N, C-alpha and C. Protein backbone atom coordinates (compact mmCIF):
# COMPACT_ATOMS: atom_id res chain seq x y z
N GLY A 1 -9.16 4.03 -45.33
CA GLY A 1 -8.77 2.44 -44.52
C GLY A 1 -8.84 3.20 -42.91
N TYR A 2 -7.95 3.04 -42.33
CA TYR A 2 -8.24 2.35 -41.14
C TYR A 2 -7.97 3.72 -39.92
N HIS A 3 -7.48 5.02 -41.46
CA HIS A 3 -7.92 6.01 -40.17
C HIS A 3 -9.22 6.45 -40.01
N ARG A 4 -10.33 6.25 -41.05
CA ARG A 4 -11.40 5.94 -41.38
C ARG A 4 -11.87 5.63 -39.10
N ALA A 5 -11.37 4.06 -38.98
CA ALA A 5 -11.51 3.10 -38.23
C ALA A 5 -11.01 4.22 -37.21
N ASP A 6 -9.65 4.42 -37.43
CA ASP A 6 -9.61 5.74 -35.72
C ASP A 6 -10.49 6.67 -35.48
N VAL A 7 -10.81 6.76 -36.26
CA VAL A 7 -12.43 8.39 -35.82
C VAL A 7 -12.52 7.95 -35.13
N LEU A 8 -13.31 6.49 -36.12
CA LEU A 8 -15.15 5.76 -35.32
C LEU A 8 -14.22 5.78 -34.23
N GLY A 9 -13.42 4.87 -34.55
CA GLY A 9 -12.93 4.38 -32.56
C GLY A 9 -13.46 5.05 -30.63
N ALA A 10 -12.62 6.42 -32.26
CA ALA A 10 -12.53 7.98 -31.21
C ALA A 10 -13.89 8.66 -30.83
N ILE A 11 -14.98 8.65 -31.83
CA ILE A 11 -16.33 9.12 -31.55
C ILE A 11 -17.33 8.04 -30.47
N LEU A 12 -16.48 7.03 -31.40
CA LEU A 12 -17.33 6.05 -30.32
C LEU A 12 -17.24 5.79 -28.49
N SER A 13 -15.78 5.88 -28.39
CA SER A 13 -15.61 6.43 -27.05
C SER A 13 -15.91 7.74 -26.51
N ILE A 14 -16.25 8.30 -27.97
CA ILE A 14 -16.59 10.05 -26.56
C ILE A 14 -18.21 9.58 -26.44
N PHE A 15 -18.92 8.94 -27.23
CA PHE A 15 -20.66 8.93 -27.04
C PHE A 15 -20.64 7.58 -25.75
N VAL A 16 -19.57 6.41 -25.41
CA VAL A 16 -19.90 5.82 -24.21
C VAL A 16 -19.15 6.80 -23.09
N ILE A 17 -18.05 7.69 -22.96
CA ILE A 17 -17.88 8.05 -22.08
C ILE A 17 -19.36 9.23 -21.95
N TRP A 18 -19.79 9.95 -22.66
CA TRP A 18 -20.71 10.62 -22.02
C TRP A 18 -21.49 9.87 -21.82
N ALA A 19 -22.50 9.06 -22.55
CA ALA A 19 -23.35 8.39 -21.31
C ALA A 19 -22.97 7.37 -20.38
N LEU A 20 -21.77 7.32 -19.69
CA LEU A 20 -21.67 6.78 -18.35
C LEU A 20 -21.36 7.75 -17.46
N LEU A 21 -21.16 8.99 -18.01
CA LEU A 21 -21.64 10.14 -17.37
C LEU A 21 -23.12 10.57 -16.69
N ILE A 22 -23.66 10.31 -17.41
CA ILE A 22 -25.07 10.66 -17.53
C ILE A 22 -25.53 9.10 -16.72
N TRP A 23 -25.14 8.30 -17.23
CA TRP A 23 -25.47 7.76 -15.56
C TRP A 23 -25.09 7.97 -14.75
N LEU A 24 -23.56 8.21 -13.99
CA LEU A 24 -23.36 8.77 -12.63
C LEU A 24 -24.26 9.72 -12.55
N ILE A 25 -24.35 11.12 -13.20
CA ILE A 25 -24.99 11.89 -12.38
C ILE A 25 -26.37 10.75 -12.25
N ILE A 26 -27.26 10.47 -13.05
CA ILE A 26 -28.72 10.71 -12.68
C ILE A 26 -28.48 9.11 -11.18
N GLU A 27 -27.59 8.18 -11.51
CA GLU A 27 -27.36 7.57 -9.62
C GLU A 27 -26.66 8.48 -8.40
N ALA A 28 -26.18 9.08 -9.05
CA ALA A 28 -25.59 10.63 -7.59
C ALA A 28 -27.41 11.22 -7.71
N ILE A 29 -27.72 11.82 -7.74
CA ILE A 29 -29.18 12.22 -8.20
C ILE A 29 -30.17 11.54 -7.25
N ASP A 30 -30.61 10.12 -7.49
CA ASP A 30 -30.91 9.07 -6.93
C ASP A 30 -30.13 8.72 -5.99
N ARG A 31 -29.07 9.36 -5.48
CA ARG A 31 -28.15 8.72 -3.73
C ARG A 31 -28.88 9.95 -3.27
N VAL A 32 -28.78 11.00 -2.80
CA VAL A 32 -29.02 12.45 -2.31
C VAL A 32 -30.13 12.53 -2.30
N ILE A 33 -30.71 11.66 -2.83
CA ILE A 33 -32.31 11.71 -2.30
C ILE A 33 -32.70 10.53 -2.11
N ASN A 34 -32.22 9.40 -1.81
CA ASN A 34 -32.59 8.05 -1.75
C ASN A 34 -31.06 7.88 -0.91
N PRO A 35 -30.70 8.29 0.32
CA PRO A 35 -29.53 7.56 0.73
C PRO A 35 -29.76 6.22 1.33
N THR A 36 -28.69 5.11 0.30
CA THR A 36 -28.92 3.56 1.08
C THR A 36 -27.19 3.63 1.73
N GLU A 37 -27.42 2.83 2.69
CA GLU A 37 -26.36 2.24 3.72
C GLU A 37 -24.75 1.82 2.91
N ILE A 38 -23.86 2.09 2.92
CA ILE A 38 -22.62 2.09 2.86
C ILE A 38 -21.91 0.32 3.66
N ASP A 39 -21.73 -0.46 2.68
CA ASP A 39 -20.53 -1.38 2.61
C ASP A 39 -19.06 -0.82 2.70
N GLY A 40 -18.31 -1.14 3.70
CA GLY A 40 -17.61 -0.41 3.66
C GLY A 40 -16.57 -1.32 3.63
N VAL A 41 -17.12 -2.90 3.80
CA VAL A 41 -15.59 -3.99 3.38
C VAL A 41 -15.53 -3.16 2.06
N ILE A 42 -16.72 -3.40 0.53
CA ILE A 42 -16.49 -3.03 -0.89
C ILE A 42 -15.44 -2.33 -0.76
N MET A 43 -16.18 -0.80 0.17
CA MET A 43 -14.89 0.38 0.20
C MET A 43 -13.59 -0.19 -0.62
N LEU A 44 -13.65 -0.81 1.06
CA LEU A 44 -11.92 -0.61 0.95
C LEU A 44 -11.63 -1.76 0.71
N VAL A 45 -12.24 -2.92 -0.54
CA VAL A 45 -11.82 -3.95 -1.27
C VAL A 45 -11.38 -2.63 -2.67
N THR A 46 -12.39 -2.27 -2.98
CA THR A 46 -12.12 -1.67 -3.80
C THR A 46 -10.85 -0.62 -4.27
N SER A 47 -10.56 0.13 -3.27
CA SER A 47 -10.08 1.67 -2.80
C SER A 47 -8.39 1.27 -2.97
N ILE A 48 -8.65 -0.59 -2.20
CA ILE A 48 -7.18 -1.45 -2.55
C ILE A 48 -6.43 -2.25 -3.55
N ILE A 49 -7.72 -2.81 -4.44
CA ILE A 49 -7.60 -2.55 -5.95
C ILE A 49 -7.13 -1.45 -6.90
N GLY A 50 -7.30 -0.93 -6.45
CA GLY A 50 -7.91 0.50 -7.19
C GLY A 50 -5.71 1.22 -7.70
N LEU A 51 -5.49 1.20 -5.94
CA LEU A 51 -4.49 1.32 -5.82
C LEU A 51 -3.95 0.45 -6.31
N LEU A 52 -3.43 -0.89 -5.81
CA LEU A 52 -2.51 -1.61 -6.91
C LEU A 52 -2.91 -1.33 -8.10
N CYS A 53 -3.72 -0.58 -8.60
CA CYS A 53 -3.95 -1.37 -10.45
C CYS A 53 -3.27 0.90 -10.58
N ASN A 54 -3.08 1.23 -9.43
CA ASN A 54 -2.25 2.54 -10.13
C ASN A 54 -0.85 2.36 -9.91
N LEU A 55 -0.50 1.60 -8.67
CA LEU A 55 1.07 1.21 -8.38
C LEU A 55 1.96 0.47 -9.77
N ALA A 56 0.31 -0.01 -10.37
CA ALA A 56 0.94 -1.70 -11.52
C ALA A 56 1.51 -0.03 -12.94
N ALA A 57 0.07 0.91 -12.95
CA ALA A 57 0.40 1.46 -14.04
C ALA A 57 1.71 2.83 -13.87
N PHE A 58 2.04 2.94 -12.36
CA PHE A 58 2.93 3.49 -12.08
C PHE A 58 4.52 3.06 -12.63
N PHE A 59 4.70 1.94 -12.02
CA PHE A 59 5.69 1.50 -11.95
C PHE A 59 6.00 0.32 -13.99
N ILE A 60 4.35 0.74 -14.29
CA ILE A 60 4.94 -0.07 -15.76
C ILE A 60 5.39 1.76 -16.27
N LEU A 61 5.41 2.28 -15.82
CA LEU A 61 5.44 3.91 -16.95
C LEU A 61 7.02 4.30 -16.48
N ILE A 62 7.32 4.08 -15.41
CA ILE A 62 8.21 4.18 -14.92
C ILE A 62 9.92 3.64 -15.84
N TRP A 63 9.02 1.90 -15.67
CA TRP A 63 10.60 0.61 -16.31
C TRP A 63 11.00 0.75 -17.73
N CYS A 64 8.94 0.42 -18.66
CA CYS A 64 9.33 1.19 -20.31
C CYS A 64 9.06 2.39 -20.31
N GLY A 65 8.74 3.91 -19.87
CA GLY A 65 8.61 5.06 -20.49
C GLY A 65 9.72 5.39 -20.79
N VAL A 66 9.74 5.65 -22.55
CA VAL A 66 11.20 6.68 -23.02
C VAL A 66 10.74 7.52 -22.86
N GLU A 67 9.99 8.88 -23.12
CA GLU A 67 9.09 9.79 -24.49
C GLU A 67 9.59 10.80 -23.18
N GLU A 68 9.87 11.42 -23.31
CA GLU A 68 10.17 12.83 -22.69
C GLU A 68 8.62 13.47 -22.46
N ASN A 69 7.73 13.35 -23.13
CA ASN A 69 6.04 14.15 -23.27
C ASN A 69 5.66 12.79 -21.95
N GLU A 70 6.54 11.79 -21.64
CA GLU A 70 5.90 10.89 -20.70
C GLU A 70 5.68 11.68 -19.21
N HIS A 71 6.48 12.91 -18.85
CA HIS A 71 6.79 12.65 -17.73
C HIS A 71 5.11 13.66 -17.00
N GLY A 72 4.74 13.99 -17.97
CA GLY A 72 3.52 14.87 -17.60
C GLY A 72 2.51 13.12 -17.13
N GLU A 73 2.95 12.70 -17.83
CA GLU A 73 1.87 10.51 -17.21
C GLU A 73 2.17 10.35 -16.12
N LYS A 74 3.40 10.62 -15.76
CA LYS A 74 4.09 9.36 -14.55
C LYS A 74 3.46 11.07 -13.58
N GLU A 75 3.18 11.80 -13.27
CA GLU A 75 2.71 12.97 -12.62
C GLU A 75 1.43 13.35 -12.12
N ASN A 76 0.77 12.54 -13.40
CA ASN A 76 -0.69 12.11 -12.93
C ASN A 76 -1.11 10.63 -12.61
N ILE A 77 -0.10 9.59 -12.67
CA ILE A 77 -0.86 8.09 -12.31
C ILE A 77 -0.25 8.79 -10.40
N ILE A 78 1.31 9.58 -10.14
CA ILE A 78 1.47 9.76 -8.98
C ILE A 78 0.43 10.36 -8.02
N ALA A 79 -0.51 11.49 -8.78
CA ALA A 79 -1.51 11.40 -8.14
C ALA A 79 -2.88 10.74 -7.85
N SER A 80 -2.71 9.79 -8.73
CA SER A 80 -3.79 8.83 -9.00
C SER A 80 -3.38 7.99 -7.71
N VAL A 81 -2.42 7.04 -7.12
CA VAL A 81 -1.28 6.52 -6.45
C VAL A 81 -1.69 7.12 -4.94
N LEU A 82 -2.14 8.65 -4.58
CA LEU A 82 -1.80 9.14 -4.12
C LEU A 82 -3.60 9.45 -3.35
N SER A 83 -3.97 9.45 -4.16
CA SER A 83 -6.14 9.71 -3.96
C SER A 83 -5.93 8.65 -3.32
N SER A 84 -5.60 7.54 -4.39
CA SER A 84 -6.32 5.73 -4.35
C SER A 84 -6.49 5.11 -2.73
N TYR A 85 -4.33 6.05 -1.96
CA TYR A 85 -4.44 5.78 -0.72
C TYR A 85 -4.54 6.25 0.08
N LYS A 86 -5.43 7.03 -0.22
CA LYS A 86 -5.87 8.26 0.83
C LYS A 86 -7.72 7.45 1.08
N ALA A 87 -7.49 7.51 -0.19
CA ALA A 87 -9.17 6.36 -0.75
C ALA A 87 -9.50 5.45 0.46
N SER A 88 -8.00 4.99 0.37
CA SER A 88 -8.37 3.39 0.49
C SER A 88 -8.31 3.51 2.55
N GLY A 89 -8.00 4.72 3.47
CA GLY A 89 -8.16 4.69 4.59
C GLY A 89 -7.26 3.49 5.19
N VAL A 90 -5.98 3.76 4.39
CA VAL A 90 -4.75 3.32 4.70
C VAL A 90 -4.06 3.60 4.96
N ARG A 91 -4.26 5.30 6.51
CA ARG A 91 -3.36 6.14 6.92
C ARG A 91 -3.36 6.17 8.10
N GLY A 92 -3.82 5.42 8.77
CA GLY A 92 -3.57 4.44 10.06
C GLY A 92 -4.47 5.02 10.92
N ASN A 93 -4.36 5.61 12.49
CA ASN A 93 -5.80 6.05 12.84
C ASN A 93 -6.59 6.91 13.12
N ASP A 94 -5.67 7.43 12.38
CA ASP A 94 -5.99 9.46 12.34
C ASP A 94 -8.04 9.49 12.24
N ALA A 95 -7.81 8.19 10.44
CA ALA A 95 -9.46 8.10 9.97
C ALA A 95 -9.56 6.93 10.24
N PRO A 96 -11.27 6.63 11.13
CA PRO A 96 -11.37 4.86 11.20
C PRO A 96 -12.40 4.30 9.92
N LEU A 97 -11.97 3.83 9.45
CA LEU A 97 -12.69 2.76 8.65
C LEU A 97 -13.95 2.98 8.59
N LEU A 98 -14.86 2.06 7.40
CA LEU A 98 -16.63 1.83 7.46
C LEU A 98 -16.10 0.38 7.86
N THR A 99 -17.11 0.82 9.02
CA THR A 99 -17.09 -1.05 8.75
C THR A 99 -18.97 -1.87 8.25
N ALA A 100 -18.55 -2.69 8.25
CA ALA A 100 -19.71 -3.28 7.56
C ALA A 100 -21.05 -3.14 8.68
N SER A 101 -21.04 -3.02 9.60
CA SER A 101 -21.72 -3.21 11.13
C SER A 101 -22.63 -1.67 11.17
N GLN A 102 -21.68 -0.21 10.57
CA GLN A 102 -21.71 0.86 10.64
C GLN A 102 -23.20 0.97 10.21
């Protein structure tokens, strides 16, 4: 019954992930061959949204997580939060942000 649906859902998600991977590789190759201008404002907004989502996931795991095996998940979320923070450029004057005029 439902066990088969679980397996089929997992297989479907694998195919979706592979399709996204292939699409991202094609897009990356296209951007290397034909560079486009980067909109710094969109990058900043996207990275801040990612930072907020990672912080939300971190706090949900801290407050709601009771399993011992979630310790690794918390470490992964901390790594994601730090990488989002770094990508958002909220580090101070040492790394200037891209602007729309650049």
